[in-house]
Amino acid sequence: MEAAREWQRERFESTGIASNADMRPAQIRKYCALDDACQALMKTAMRQLRLTARAYHRVHLAEALQYRPKLDLM
């Protein structure tokens, strides 16, 4: 996890952004660009699920979280 934070610090050096959580839509478009197939998928999902522009950016987070390993907190 610390390696990811260090990578973020290097990526955002001199941008005024401290972490991925601080990114605004413009930075998301710049640093998290989708290829054509992914853009088409997102457009379809937005239309079918009636997602707002804000929800569009939250979907990235929701998808990323589903791939994280589940931690046994016991």
PDB file of N, CA and C in Angstrom:
ATOM      1  N   MET A   1       0.817  -1.185   0.000  1.00  0.00           N
ATOM      2  CA  MET A   1       0.000   0.000   0.000  1.00  0.00           C
ATOM      3  C   MET A   1       0.864   1.253   0.000  1.00  0.00           C
ATOM      4  N   GLU A   2       1.951   1.217   0.711  1.00  0.00           N
ATOM      5  CA  GLU A   2       2.838   2.385   0.736  1.00  0.00           C
ATOM      6  C   GLU A   2       3.445   2.626  -0.637  1.00  0.00           C
ATOM      7  N   ALA A   3       3.694   1.561  -1.387  1.00  0.00           N
ATOM      8  CA  ALA A   3       4.240   1.715  -2.741  1.00  0.00           C
ATOM      9  C   ALA A   3       3.239   2.465  -3.631  1.00  0.00           C
ATOM     10  N   ALA A   4       1.944   2.165  -3.476  1.00  0.00           N
ATOM     11  CA  ALA A   4       0.913   2.853  -4.255  1.00  0.00           C
ATOM     12  C   ALA A   4       0.875   4.335  -3.895  1.00  0.00           C
ATOM     13  N   ARG A   5       1.019   4.642  -2.624  1.00  0.00           N
ATOM     14  CA  ARG A   5       1.018   6.044  -2.198  1.00  0.00           C
ATOM     15  C   ARG A   5       2.232   6.790  -2.759  1.00  0.00           C
ATOM     16  N   GLU A   6       3.365   6.118  -2.771  1.00  0.00           N
ATOM     17  CA  GLU A   6       4.569   6.739  -3.320  1.00  0.00           C
ATOM     18  C   GLU A   6       4.392   6.989  -4.820  1.00  0.00           C
ATOM     19  N   TRP A   7       3.804   6.042  -5.519  1.00  0.00           N
ATOM     20  CA  TRP A   7       3.556   6.212  -6.953  1.00  0.00           C
ATOM     21  C   TRP A   7       2.631   7.400  -7.195  1.00  0.00           C
ATOM     22  N   GLN A   8       1.621   7.557  -6.348  1.00  0.00           N
ATOM     23  CA  GLN A   8       0.717   8.702  -6.462  1.00  0.00           C
ATOM     24  C   GLN A   8       1.467  10.011  -6.233  1.00  0.00           C
ATOM     25  N   ARG A   9       2.322  10.034  -5.225  1.00  0.00           N
ATOM     26  CA  ARG A   9       3.101  11.251  -4.951  1.00  0.00           C
ATOM     27  C   ARG A   9       3.944  11.633  -6.160  1.00  0.00           C
ATOM     28  N   GLU A  10       4.572  10.639  -6.781  1.00  0.00           N
ATOM     29  CA  GLU A  10       5.392  10.913  -7.962  1.00  0.00           C
ATOM     30  C   GLU A  10       4.524  11.360  -9.138  1.00  0.00           C
ATOM     31  N   ARG A  11       3.394  10.689  -9.341  1.00  0.00           N
ATOM     32  CA  ARG A  11       2.509  11.015 -10.460  1.00  0.00           C
ATOM     33  C   ARG A  11       1.998  12.442 -10.364  1.00  0.00           C
ATOM     34  N   PHE A  12       1.613  12.856  -9.171  1.00  0.00           N
ATOM     35  CA  PHE A  12       0.967  14.147  -8.982  1.00  0.00           C
ATOM     36  C   PHE A  12       1.910  15.252  -8.544  1.00  0.00           C
ATOM     37  N   GLU A  13       3.213  14.983  -8.563  1.00  0.00           N
ATOM     38  CA  GLU A  13       4.188  15.989  -8.153  1.00  0.00           C
ATOM     39  C   GLU A  13       3.964  17.279  -8.930  1.00  0.00           C
ATOM     40  N   SER A  14       3.918  18.361  -8.234  1.00  0.00           N
ATOM     41  CA  SER A  14       3.729  19.720  -8.760  1.00  0.00           C
ATOM     42  C   SER A  14       2.368  19.941  -9.427  1.00  0.00           C
ATOM     43  N   THR A  15       1.358  19.132  -9.066  1.00  0.00           N
ATOM     44  CA  THR A  15       0.014  19.338  -9.612  1.00  0.00           C
ATOM     45  C   THR A  15      -0.954  19.887  -8.577  1.00  0.00           C
ATOM     46  N   GLY A  16      -0.580  19.827  -7.303  1.00  0.00           N
ATOM     47  CA  GLY A  16      -1.502  20.249  -6.245  1.00  0.00           C
ATOM     48  C   GLY A  16      -2.436  19.131  -5.814  1.00  0.00           C
ATOM     49  N   ILE A  17      -2.277  17.957  -6.409  1.00  0.00           N
ATOM     50  CA  ILE A  17      -3.094  16.792  -6.060  1.00  0.00           C
ATOM     51  C   ILE A  17      -2.239  15.895  -5.168  1.00  0.00           C
ATOM     52  N   ALA A  18      -2.811  15.443  -4.057  1.00  0.00           N
ATOM     53  CA  ALA A  18      -2.062  14.600  -3.139  1.00  0.00           C
ATOM     54  C   ALA A  18      -2.283  13.111  -3.400  1.00  0.00           C
ATOM     55  N   SER A  19      -3.476  12.748  -3.853  1.00  0.00           N
ATOM     56  CA  SER A  19      -3.774  11.327  -4.061  1.00  0.00           C
ATOM     57  C   SER A  19      -4.877  11.171  -5.101  1.00  0.00           C
ATOM     58  N   ASN A  20      -5.147   9.932  -5.484  1.00  0.00           N
ATOM     59  CA  ASN A  20      -6.211   9.662  -6.448  1.00  0.00           C
ATOM     60  C   ASN A  20      -7.542  10.239  -5.988  1.00  0.00           C
ATOM     61  N   ALA A  21      -7.790  10.211  -4.702  1.00  0.00           N
ATOM     62  CA  ALA A  21      -9.054  10.703  -4.162  1.00  0.00           C
ATOM     63  C   ALA A  21      -9.251  12.196  -4.410  1.00  0.00           C
ATOM     64  N   ASP A  22      -8.174  12.931  -4.628  1.00  0.00           N
ATOM     65  CA  ASP A  22      -8.248  14.368  -4.863  1.00  0.00           C
ATOM     66  C   ASP A  22      -8.495  14.734  -6.324  1.00  0.00           C
ATOM     67  N   MET A  23      -8.454  13.748  -7.202  1.00  0.00           N
ATOM     68  CA  MET A  23      -8.605  14.059  -8.623  1.00  0.00           C
ATOM     69  C   MET A  23     -10.006  14.560  -8.942  1.00  0.00           C
ATOM     70  N   ARG A  24     -10.056  15.566  -9.793  1.00  0.00           N
ATOM     71  CA  ARG A  24     -11.312  16.100 -10.320  1.00  0.00           C
ATOM     72  C   ARG A  24     -11.562  15.426 -11.670  1.00  0.00           C
ATOM     73  N   PRO A  25     -12.712  15.616 -12.280  1.00  0.00           N
ATOM     74  CA  PRO A  25     -12.987  14.973 -13.569  1.00  0.00           C
ATOM     75  C   PRO A  25     -11.908  15.198 -14.638  1.00  0.00           C
ATOM     76  N   ALA A  26     -11.340  16.387 -14.704  1.00  0.00           N
ATOM     77  CA  ALA A  26     -10.299  16.647 -15.709  1.00  0.00           C
ATOM     78  C   ALA A  26      -9.077  15.758 -15.483  1.00  0.00           C
ATOM     79  N   GLN A  27      -8.685  15.592 -14.223  1.00  0.00           N
ATOM     80  CA  GLN A  27      -7.539  14.731 -13.931  1.00  0.00           C
ATOM     81  C   GLN A  27      -7.890  13.260 -14.168  1.00  0.00           C
ATOM     82  N   ILE A  28      -9.101  12.881 -13.871  1.00  0.00           N
ATOM     83  CA  ILE A  28      -9.514  11.500 -14.127  1.00  0.00           C
ATOM     84  C   ILE A  28      -9.416  11.209 -15.617  1.00  0.00           C
ATOM     85  N   ARG A  29      -9.891  12.133 -16.447  1.00  0.00           N
ATOM     86  CA  ARG A  29      -9.781  11.947 -17.897  1.00  0.00           C
ATOM     87  C   ARG A  29      -8.319  11.856 -18.332  1.00  0.00           C
ATOM     88  N   LYS A  30      -7.461  12.648 -17.707  1.00  0.00           N
ATOM     89  CA  LYS A  30      -6.046  12.661 -18.086  1.00  0.00           C
ATOM     90  C   LYS A  30      -5.317  11.399 -17.636  1.00  0.00           C
ATOM     91  N   TYR A  31      -5.477  11.037 -16.382  1.00  0.00           N
ATOM     92  CA  TYR A  31      -4.701   9.940 -15.809  1.00  0.00           C
ATOM     93  C   TYR A  31      -5.373   8.571 -15.918  1.00  0.00           C
ATOM     94  N   CYS A  32      -6.648   8.539 -16.210  1.00  0.00           N
ATOM     95  CA  CYS A  32      -7.398   7.274 -16.250  1.00  0.00           C
ATOM     96  C   CYS A  32      -8.159   7.152 -17.563  1.00  0.00           C
ATOM     97  N   ALA A  33      -7.509   7.466 -18.644  1.00  0.00           N
ATOM     98  CA  ALA A  33      -8.166   7.467 -19.941  1.00  0.00           C
ATOM     99  C   ALA A  33      -8.672   6.072 -20.303  1.00  0.00           C
ATOM    100  N   LEU A  34      -9.875   6.030 -20.847  1.00  0.00           N
ATOM    101  CA  LEU A  34     -10.476   4.774 -21.286  1.00  0.00           C
ATOM    102  C   LEU A  34     -10.246   4.589 -22.774  1.00  0.00           C
ATOM    103  N   ASP A  35     -10.018   3.352 -23.188  1.00  0.00           N
ATOM    104  CA  ASP A  35      -9.911   3.102 -24.623  1.00  0.00           C
ATOM    105  C   ASP A  35     -11.312   3.117 -25.227  1.00  0.00           C
ATOM    106  N   ASP A  36     -11.390   2.991 -26.532  1.00  0.00           N
ATOM    107  CA  ASP A  36     -12.679   3.105 -27.222  1.00  0.00           C
ATOM    108  C   ASP A  36     -13.702   2.071 -26.743  1.00  0.00           C
ATOM    109  N   ALA A  37     -13.255   0.838 -26.535  1.00  0.00           N
ATOM    110  CA  ALA A  37     -14.176  -0.212 -26.087  1.00  0.00           C
ATOM    111  C   ALA A  37     -14.740   0.103 -24.707  1.00  0.00           C
ATOM    112  N   CYS A  38     -13.894   0.590 -23.819  1.00  0.00           N
ATOM    113  CA  CYS A  38     -14.352   0.935 -22.466  1.00  0.00           C
ATOM    114  C   CYS A  38     -15.288   2.140 -22.496  1.00  0.00           C
ATOM    115  N   GLN A  39     -14.984   3.106 -23.354  1.00  0.00           N
ATOM    116  CA  GLN A  39     -15.868   4.265 -23.473  1.00  0.00           C
ATOM    117  C   GLN A  39     -17.239   3.842 -23.971  1.00  0.00           C
ATOM    118  N   ALA A  40     -17.279   2.942 -24.939  1.00  0.00           N
ATOM    119  CA  ALA A  40     -18.564   2.458 -25.456  1.00  0.00           C
ATOM    120  C   ALA A  40     -19.329   1.724 -24.368  1.00  0.00           C
ATOM    121  N   LEU A  41     -18.627   0.914 -23.579  1.00  0.00           N
ATOM    122  CA  LEU A  41     -19.264   0.199 -22.479  1.00  0.00           C
ATOM    123  C   LEU A  41     -19.854   1.176 -21.467  1.00  0.00           C
ATOM    124  N   MET A  42     -19.092   2.209 -21.117  1.00  0.00           N
ATOM    125  CA  MET A  42     -19.578   3.188 -20.150  1.00  0.00           C
ATOM    126  C   MET A  42     -20.769   3.969 -20.693  1.00  0.00           C
ATOM    127  N   LYS A  43     -20.744   4.322 -21.972  1.00  0.00           N
ATOM    128  CA  LYS A  43     -21.881   5.040 -22.561  1.00  0.00           C
ATOM    129  C   LYS A  43     -23.133   4.184 -22.516  1.00  0.00           C
ATOM    130  N   THR A  44     -22.991   2.903 -22.819  1.00  0.00           N
ATOM    131  CA  THR A  44     -24.134   1.990 -22.764  1.00  0.00           C
ATOM    132  C   THR A  44     -24.646   1.866 -21.337  1.00  0.00           C
ATOM    133  N   ALA A  45     -23.726   1.703 -20.396  1.00  0.00           N
ATOM    134  CA  ALA A  45     -24.124   1.584 -18.991  1.00  0.00           C
ATOM    135  C   ALA A  45     -24.814   2.851 -18.512  1.00  0.00           C
ATOM    136  N   MET A  46     -24.298   4.005 -18.894  1.00  0.00           N
ATOM    137  CA  MET A  46     -24.915   5.268 -18.474  1.00  0.00           C
ATOM    138  C   MET A  46     -26.335   5.380 -19.011  1.00  0.00           C
ATOM    139  N   ARG A  47     -26.517   4.980 -20.268  1.00  0.00           N
ATOM    140  CA  ARG A  47     -27.838   5.076 -20.878  1.00  0.00           C
ATOM    141  C   ARG A  47     -28.809   4.063 -20.249  1.00  0.00           C
ATOM    142  N   GLN A  48     -28.366   2.811 -20.129  1.00  0.00           N
ATOM    143  CA  GLN A  48     -29.253   1.766 -19.625  1.00  0.00           C
ATOM    144  C   GLN A  48     -29.541   1.910 -18.132  1.00  0.00           C
ATOM    145  N   LEU A  49     -28.533   2.329 -17.376  1.00  0.00           N
ATOM    146  CA  LEU A  49     -28.696   2.465 -15.928  1.00  0.00           C
ATOM    147  C   LEU A  49     -29.088   3.880 -15.511  1.00  0.00           C
ATOM    148  N   ARG A  50     -29.179   4.768 -16.502  1.00  0.00           N
ATOM    149  CA  ARG A  50     -29.522   6.175 -16.257  1.00  0.00           C
ATOM    150  C   ARG A  50     -28.598   6.808 -15.216  1.00  0.00           C
ATOM    151  N   LEU A  51     -27.300   6.634 -15.449  1.00  0.00           N
ATOM    152  CA  LEU A  51     -26.303   7.169 -14.527  1.00  0.00           C
ATOM    153  C   LEU A  51     -26.114   8.658 -14.766  1.00  0.00           C
ATOM    154  N   THR A  52     -25.874   9.380 -13.705  1.00  0.00           N
ATOM    155  CA  THR A  52     -25.530  10.796 -13.809  1.00  0.00           C
ATOM    156  C   THR A  52     -24.044  10.911 -14.125  1.00  0.00           C
ATOM    157  N   ALA A  53     -23.603  12.108 -14.458  1.00  0.00           N
ATOM    158  CA  ALA A  53     -22.179  12.335 -14.707  1.00  0.00           C
ATOM    159  C   ALA A  53     -21.362  12.022 -13.454  1.00  0.00           C
ATOM    160  N   ARG A  54     -21.896  12.358 -12.307  1.00  0.00           N
ATOM    161  CA  ARG A  54     -21.186  12.058 -11.054  1.00  0.00           C
ATOM    162  C   ARG A  54     -21.078  10.560 -10.861  1.00  0.00           C
ATOM    163  N   ALA A  55     -22.139   9.836 -11.145  1.00  0.00           N
ATOM    164  CA  ALA A  55     -22.128   8.377 -10.999  1.00  0.00           C
ATOM    165  C   ALA A  55     -21.120   7.747 -11.957  1.00  0.00           C
ATOM    166  N   TYR A  56     -20.938   8.344 -13.118  1.00  0.00           N
ATOM    167  CA  TYR A  56     -19.967   7.840 -14.088  1.00  0.00           C
ATOM    168  C   TYR A  56     -18.597   7.688 -13.433  1.00  0.00           C
ATOM    169  N   HIS A  57     -18.167   8.693 -12.680  1.00  0.00           N
ATOM    170  CA  HIS A  57     -16.859   8.638 -12.031  1.00  0.00           C
ATOM    171  C   HIS A  57     -16.853   7.693 -10.843  1.00  0.00           C
ATOM    172  N   ARG A  58     -17.965   7.531 -10.188  1.00  0.00           N
ATOM    173  CA  ARG A  58     -18.042   6.611  -9.055  1.00  0.00           C
ATOM    174  C   ARG A  58     -18.015   5.155  -9.511  1.00  0.00           C
ATOM    175  N   VAL A  59     -18.468   4.898 -10.717  1.00  0.00           N
ATOM    176  CA  VAL A  59     -18.443   3.533 -11.242  1.00  0.00           C
ATOM    177  C   VAL A  59     -17.016   3.020 -11.294  1.00  0.00           C
ATOM    178  N   HIS A  60     -16.062   3.870 -11.665  1.00  0.00           N
ATOM    179  CA  HIS A  60     -14.664   3.449 -11.711  1.00  0.00           C
ATOM    180  C   HIS A  60     -14.241   2.931 -10.352  1.00  0.00           C
ATOM    181  N   LEU A  61     -14.618   3.652  -9.320  1.00  0.00           N
ATOM    182  CA  LEU A  61     -14.265   3.247  -7.972  1.00  0.00           C
ATOM    183  C   LEU A  61     -14.942   1.931  -7.609  1.00  0.00           C
ATOM    184  N   ALA A  62     -16.215   1.814  -7.906  1.00  0.00           N
ATOM    185  CA  ALA A  62     -16.951   0.592  -7.571  1.00  0.00           C
ATOM    186  C   ALA A  62     -16.345  -0.611  -8.280  1.00  0.00           C
ATOM    187  N   GLU A  63     -15.976  -0.443  -9.537  1.00  0.00           N
ATOM    188  CA  GLU A  63     -15.385  -1.556 -10.266  1.00  0.00           C
ATOM    189  C   GLU A  63     -14.032  -1.933  -9.677  1.00  0.00           C
ATOM    190  N   ALA A  64     -13.227  -0.939  -9.379  1.00  0.00           N
ATOM    191  CA  ALA A  64     -11.911  -1.209  -8.815  1.00  0.00           C
ATOM    192  C   ALA A  64     -12.024  -1.949  -7.485  1.00  0.00           C
ATOM    193  N   LEU A  65     -12.981  -1.566  -6.676  1.00  0.00           N
ATOM    194  CA  LEU A  65     -13.142  -2.206  -5.371  1.00  0.00           C
ATOM    195  C   LEU A  65     -13.522  -3.669  -5.488  1.00  0.00           C
ATOM    196  N   GLN A  66     -14.270  -4.023  -6.507  1.00  0.00           N
ATOM    197  CA  GLN A  66     -14.682  -5.420  -6.622  1.00  0.00           C
ATOM    198  C   GLN A  66     -13.507  -6.342  -6.913  1.00  0.00           C
ATOM    199  N   TYR A  67     -12.406  -5.795  -7.423  1.00  0.00           N
ATOM    200  CA  TYR A  67     -11.241  -6.606  -7.728  1.00  0.00           C
ATOM    201  C   TYR A  67     -10.256  -6.701  -6.564  1.00  0.00           C
ATOM    202  N   ARG A  68     -10.469  -5.910  -5.546  1.00  0.00           N
ATOM    203  CA  ARG A  68      -9.572  -5.956  -4.385  1.00  0.00           C
ATOM    204  C   ARG A  68      -9.785  -7.254  -3.626  1.00  0.00           C
ATOM    205  N   PRO A  69      -8.705  -7.831  -3.123  1.00  0.00           N
ATOM    206  CA  PRO A  69      -8.871  -9.074  -2.357  1.00  0.00           C
ATOM    207  C   PRO A  69      -9.642  -8.806  -1.072  1.00  0.00           C
ATOM    208  N   LYS A  70     -10.469  -9.749  -0.711  1.00  0.00           N
ATOM    209  CA  LYS A  70     -11.207  -9.624   0.541  1.00  0.00           C
ATOM    210  C   LYS A  70     -10.274  -9.956   1.688  1.00  0.00           C
ATOM    211  N   LEU A  71     -10.298  -9.110   2.690  1.00  0.00           N
ATOM    212  CA  LEU A  71      -9.432  -9.296   3.850  1.00  0.00           C
ATOM    213  C   LEU A  71     -10.211  -9.939   4.973  1.00  0.00           C
ATOM    214  N   ASP A  72      -9.624 -10.895   5.594  1.00  0.00           N
ATOM    215  CA  ASP A  72     -10.227 -11.522   6.759  1.00  0.00           C
ATOM    216  C   ASP A  72      -9.839 -10.684   7.959  1.00  0.00           C
ATOM    217  N   LEU A  73     -10.787  -9.928   8.485  1.00  0.00           N
ATOM    218  CA  LEU A  73     -10.492  -8.989   9.586  1.00  0.00           C
ATOM    219  C   LEU A  73     -10.612  -9.635  10.957  1.00  0.00           C
ATOM    220  N   MET A  74     -10.780 -10.903  11.023  1.00  0.00           N
ATOM    221  CA  MET A  74     -10.892 -11.587  12.326  1.00  0.00           C
ATOM    222  C   MET A  74      -9.551 -11.945  12.870  1.00  0.00           C
TER     223      MET A  74
END
